PDB file of N, CA and C in Angstrom:
ATOM      1  N   UNK A   1     147.918 117.706 185.652  1.00  0.00           N
ATOM      2  CA  UNK A   1     148.186 116.829 186.779  1.00  0.00           C
ATOM      3  C   UNK A   1     149.213 117.461 187.725  1.00  0.00           C
ATOM      4  N   UNK A   2     150.233 118.076 187.165  1.00  0.00           N
ATOM      5  CA  UNK A   2     151.251 118.695 188.023  1.00  0.00           C
ATOM      6  C   UNK A   2     150.666 119.806 188.888  1.00  0.00           C
ATOM      7  N   UNK A   3     149.737 120.561 188.311  1.00  0.00           N
ATOM      8  CA  UNK A   3     149.104 121.636 189.088  1.00  0.00           C
ATOM      9  C   UNK A   3     148.277 121.060 190.228  1.00  0.00           C
ATOM     10  N   UNK A   4     147.574 119.980 189.972  1.00  0.00           N
ATOM     11  CA  UNK A   4     146.786 119.325 191.021  1.00  0.00           C
ATOM     12  C   UNK A   4     147.705 118.860 192.144  1.00  0.00           C
ATOM     13  N   UNK A   5     148.786 118.202 191.777  1.00  0.00           N
ATOM     14  CA  UNK A   5     149.732 117.688 192.776  1.00  0.00           C
ATOM     15  C   UNK A   5     150.325 118.848 193.573  1.00  0.00           C
ATOM     16  N   UNK A   6     150.757 119.898 192.881  1.00  0.00           N
ATOM     17  CA  UNK A   6     151.337 121.041 193.574  1.00  0.00           C
ATOM     18  C   UNK A   6     150.333 121.669 194.535  1.00  0.00           C
ATOM     19  N   UNK A   7     149.113 121.879 194.059  1.00  0.00           N
ATOM     20  CA  UNK A   7     148.065 122.518 194.862  1.00  0.00           C
ATOM     21  C   UNK A   7     147.828 121.745 196.155  1.00  0.00           C
ATOM     22  N   UNK A   8     147.652 120.439 196.040  1.00  0.00           N
ATOM     23  CA  UNK A   8     147.401 119.623 197.233  1.00  0.00           C
ATOM     24  C   UNK A   8     148.644 119.532 198.116  1.00  0.00           C
ATOM     25  N   UNK A   9     149.791 119.364 197.510  1.00  0.00           N
ATOM     26  CA  UNK A   9     151.024 119.261 198.300  1.00  0.00           C
ATOM     27  C   UNK A   9     151.290 120.560 199.051  1.00  0.00           C
ATOM     28  N   UNK A  10     151.128 121.674 198.374  1.00  0.00           N
ATOM     29  CA  UNK A  10     151.400 122.974 198.980  1.00  0.00           C
ATOM     30  C   UNK A  10     150.454 123.280 200.133  1.00  0.00           C
ATOM     31  N   UNK A  11     149.165 123.073 199.908  1.00  0.00           N
ATOM     32  CA  UNK A  11     148.173 123.468 200.914  1.00  0.00           C
ATOM     33  C   UNK A  11     147.952 122.423 202.000  1.00  0.00           C
ATOM     34  N   UNK A  12     148.173 121.167 201.701  1.00  0.00           N
ATOM     35  CA  UNK A  12     147.887 120.118 202.678  1.00  0.00           C
ATOM     36  C   UNK A  12     149.138 119.412 203.183  1.00  0.00           C
ATOM     37  N   UNK A  13     150.283 119.794 202.640  1.00  0.00           N
ATOM     38  CA  UNK A  13     151.574 119.201 203.038  1.00  0.00           C
ATOM     39  C   UNK A  13     151.600 117.695 202.823  1.00  0.00           C
ATOM     40  N   UNK A  14     150.997 117.269 201.729  1.00  0.00           N
ATOM     41  CA  UNK A  14     151.016 115.852 201.374  1.00  0.00           C
ATOM     42  C   UNK A  14     152.173 115.595 200.429  1.00  0.00           C
ATOM     43  N   UNK A  15     152.689 114.382 200.446  1.00  0.00           N
ATOM     44  CA  UNK A  15     153.756 113.996 199.542  1.00  0.00           C
ATOM     45  C   UNK A  15     153.206 113.618 198.166  1.00  0.00           C
ATOM     46  N   UNK A  16     154.067 113.695 197.174  1.00  0.00           N
ATOM     47  CA  UNK A  16     153.678 113.379 195.803  1.00  0.00           C
ATOM     48  C   UNK A  16     153.151 111.954 195.705  1.00  0.00           C
ATOM     49  N   UNK A  17     153.828 111.015 196.326  1.00  0.00           N
ATOM     50  CA  UNK A  17     153.397 109.616 196.264  1.00  0.00           C
ATOM     51  C   UNK A  17     152.009 109.430 196.851  1.00  0.00           C
ATOM     52  N   UNK A  18     151.765 110.135 197.958  1.00  0.00           N
ATOM     53  CA  UNK A  18     150.460 110.050 198.614  1.00  0.00           C
ATOM     54  C   UNK A  18     149.356 110.598 197.700  1.00  0.00           C
ATOM     55  N   UNK A  19     149.637 111.705 197.064  1.00  0.00           N
ATOM     56  CA  UNK A  19     148.645 112.330 196.180  1.00  0.00           C
ATOM     57  C   UNK A  19     148.396 111.459 194.957  1.00  0.00           C
ATOM     58  N   UNK A  20     149.467 110.982 194.335  1.00  0.00           N
ATOM     59  CA  UNK A  20     149.315 110.159 193.137  1.00  0.00           C
ATOM     60  C   UNK A  20     148.693 108.805 193.455  1.00  0.00           C
ATOM     61  N   UNK A  21     148.768 108.382 194.706  1.00  0.00           N
ATOM     62  CA  UNK A  21     148.172 107.122 195.117  1.00  0.00           C
ATOM     63  C   UNK A  21     146.661 107.192 195.299  1.00  0.00           C
ATOM     64  N   UNK A  22     146.122 108.407 195.323  1.00  0.00           N
ATOM     65  CA  UNK A  22     144.679 108.561 195.484  1.00  0.00           C
ATOM     66  C   UNK A  22     143.968 108.219 194.171  1.00  0.00           C
ATOM     67  N   UNK A  23     142.818 107.593 194.268  1.00  0.00           N
ATOM     68  CA  UNK A  23     142.003 107.428 193.065  1.00  0.00           C
ATOM     69  C   UNK A  23     141.637 108.811 192.515  1.00  0.00           C
ATOM     70  N   UNK A  24     141.490 108.921 191.218  1.00  0.00           N
ATOM     71  CA  UNK A  24     141.231 110.213 190.575  1.00  0.00           C
ATOM     72  C   UNK A  24     140.041 110.936 191.184  1.00  0.00           C
ATOM     73  N   UNK A  25     138.931 110.241 191.370  1.00  0.00           N
ATOM     74  CA  UNK A  25     137.735 110.884 191.929  1.00  0.00           C
ATOM     75  C   UNK A  25     137.994 111.439 193.327  1.00  0.00           C
ATOM     76  N   UNK A  26     138.742 110.716 194.113  1.00  0.00           N
ATOM     77  CA  UNK A  26     139.039 111.180 195.473  1.00  0.00           C
ATOM     78  C   UNK A  26     139.955 112.398 195.431  1.00  0.00           C
ATOM     79  N   UNK A  27     140.937 112.367 194.541  1.00  0.00           N
ATOM     80  CA  UNK A  27     141.833 113.515 194.391  1.00  0.00           C
ATOM     81  C   UNK A  27     141.036 114.739 193.970  1.00  0.00           C
ATOM     82  N   UNK A  28     140.113 114.589 193.023  1.00  0.00           N
ATOM     83  CA  UNK A  28     139.288 115.709 192.574  1.00  0.00           C
ATOM     84  C   UNK A  28     138.396 116.222 193.695  1.00  0.00           C
ATOM     85  N   UNK A  29     137.911 115.292 194.525  1.00  0.00           N
ATOM     86  CA  UNK A  29     137.103 115.707 195.677  1.00  0.00           C
ATOM     87  C   UNK A  29     137.915 116.640 196.577  1.00  0.00           C
ATOM     88  N   UNK A  30     139.142 116.248 196.894  1.00  0.00           N
ATOM     89  CA  UNK A  30     139.984 117.091 197.746  1.00  0.00           C
ATOM     90  C   UNK A  30     140.278 118.426 197.078  1.00  0.00           C
ATOM     91  N   UNK A  31     140.489 118.421 195.773  1.00  0.00           N
ATOM     92  CA  UNK A  31     140.735 119.673 195.057  1.00  0.00           C
ATOM     93  C   UNK A  31     139.526 120.600 195.149  1.00  0.00           C
ATOM     94  N   UNK A  32     138.339 120.066 194.922  1.00  0.00           N
ATOM     95  CA  UNK A  32     137.121 120.879 195.007  1.00  0.00           C
ATOM     96  C   UNK A  32     136.921 121.409 196.415  1.00  0.00           C
ATOM     97  N   UNK A  33     137.099 120.537 197.393  1.00  0.00           N
ATOM     98  CA  UNK A  33     136.887 120.937 198.785  1.00  0.00           C
ATOM     99  C   UNK A  33     137.875 122.029 199.195  1.00  0.00           C
ATOM    100  N   UNK A  34     139.118 121.874 198.835  1.00  0.00           N
ATOM    101  CA  UNK A  34     140.127 122.868 199.176  1.00  0.00           C
ATOM    102  C   UNK A  34     139.859 124.178 198.451  1.00  0.00           C
ATOM    103  N   UNK A  35     139.487 124.110 197.187  1.00  0.00           N
ATOM    104  CA  UNK A  35     139.173 125.317 196.424  1.00  0.00           C
ATOM    105  C   UNK A  35     138.001 126.061 197.047  1.00  0.00           C
ATOM    106  N   UNK A  36     136.953 125.343 197.414  1.00  0.00           N
ATOM    107  CA  UNK A  36     135.793 125.967 198.058  1.00  0.00           C
ATOM    108  C   UNK A  36     136.186 126.625 199.374  1.00  0.00           C
ATOM    109  N   UNK A  37     137.021 125.979 200.142  1.00  0.00           N
ATOM    110  CA  UNK A  37     137.458 126.533 201.421  1.00  0.00           C
ATOM    111  C   UNK A  37     138.254 127.823 201.212  1.00  0.00           C
ATOM    112  N   UNK A  38     139.184 127.807 200.276  1.00  0.00           N
ATOM    113  CA  UNK A  38     140.004 128.991 200.017  1.00  0.00           C
ATOM    114  C   UNK A  38     139.162 130.142 199.472  1.00  0.00           C
ATOM    115  N   UNK A  39     138.209 129.843 198.602  1.00  0.00           N
ATOM    116  CA  UNK A  39     137.318 130.885 198.077  1.00  0.00           C
ATOM    117  C   UNK A  39     136.452 131.472 199.185  1.00  0.00           C
ATOM    118  N   UNK A  40     135.981 130.630 200.081  1.00  0.00           N
ATOM    119  CA  UNK A  40     135.178 131.104 201.206  1.00  0.00           C
ATOM    120  C   UNK A  40     135.993 132.036 202.101  1.00  0.00           C
ATOM    121  N   UNK A  41     137.218 131.664 202.360  1.00  0.00           N
ATOM    122  CA  UNK A  41     138.087 132.506 203.184  1.00  0.00           C
ATOM    123  C   UNK A  41     138.357 133.839 202.502  1.00  0.00           C
ATOM    124  N   UNK A  42     138.566 133.818 201.193  1.00  0.00           N
ATOM    125  CA  UNK A  42     138.793 135.060 200.457  1.00  0.00           C
ATOM    126  C   UNK A  42     137.555 135.953 200.508  1.00  0.00           C
ATOM    127  N   UNK A  43     136.376 135.351 200.390  1.00  0.00           N
ATOM    128  CA  UNK A  43     135.128 136.116 200.474  1.00  0.00           C
ATOM    129  C   UNK A  43     134.981 136.773 201.841  1.00  0.00           C
ATOM    130  N   UNK A  44     135.315 136.048 202.889  1.00  0.00           N
ATOM    131  CA  UNK A  44     135.231 136.593 204.248  1.00  0.00           C
ATOM    132  C   UNK A  44     136.210 137.743 204.440  1.00  0.00           C
ATOM    133  N   UNK A  45     137.397 137.613 203.897  1.00  0.00           N
ATOM    134  CA  UNK A  45     138.396 138.683 203.987  1.00  0.00           C
ATOM    135  C   UNK A  45     137.907 139.927 203.253  1.00  0.00           C
ATOM    136  N   UNK A  46     137.375 139.728 202.062  1.00  0.00           N
ATOM    137  CA  UNK A  46     136.853 140.857 201.268  1.00  0.00           C
ATOM    138  C   UNK A  46     135.702 141.543 201.992  1.00  0.00           C
ATOM    139  N   UNK A  47     134.809 140.769 202.594  1.00  0.00           N
ATOM    140  CA  UNK A  47     133.689 141.340 203.328  1.00  0.00           C
ATOM    141  C   UNK A  47     134.166 142.131 204.540  1.00  0.00           C
ATOM    142  N   UNK A  48     135.152 141.628 205.220  1.00  0.00           N
ATOM    143  CA  UNK A  48     135.692 142.334 206.394  1.00  0.00           C
ATOM    144  C   UNK A  48     136.346 143.649 205.999  1.00  0.00           C
ATOM    145  N   UNK A  49     136.972 143.684 204.845  1.00  0.00           N
ATOM    146  CA  UNK A  49     137.624 144.904 204.391  1.00  0.00           C
ATOM    147  C   UNK A  49     136.602 145.977 204.005  1.00  0.00           C
ATOM    148  N   UNK A  50     135.417 145.578 203.596  1.00  0.00           N
ATOM    149  CA  UNK A  50     134.385 146.527 203.206  1.00  0.00           C
ATOM    150  C   UNK A  50     133.709 147.183 204.411  1.00  0.00           C
ATOM    151  N   UNK A  51     133.891 146.598 205.576  1.00  0.00           N
ATOM    152  CA  UNK A  51     133.238 147.139 206.784  1.00  0.00           C
ATOM    153  C   UNK A  51     133.910 148.370 207.284  1.00  0.00           C
TER     154      UNK A  51
END
């Protein structure tokens, strides 16, 4: 749980109370969405470096 809170707080600048106030499914949705976005950005960076 602490890692989830840190991840969302760090990347989205949300407060702990705001994050803990989210229903679990909604919090997981944001975690998945943010993870997918960061992975996509990393893939784009890696592809650009190969050019």
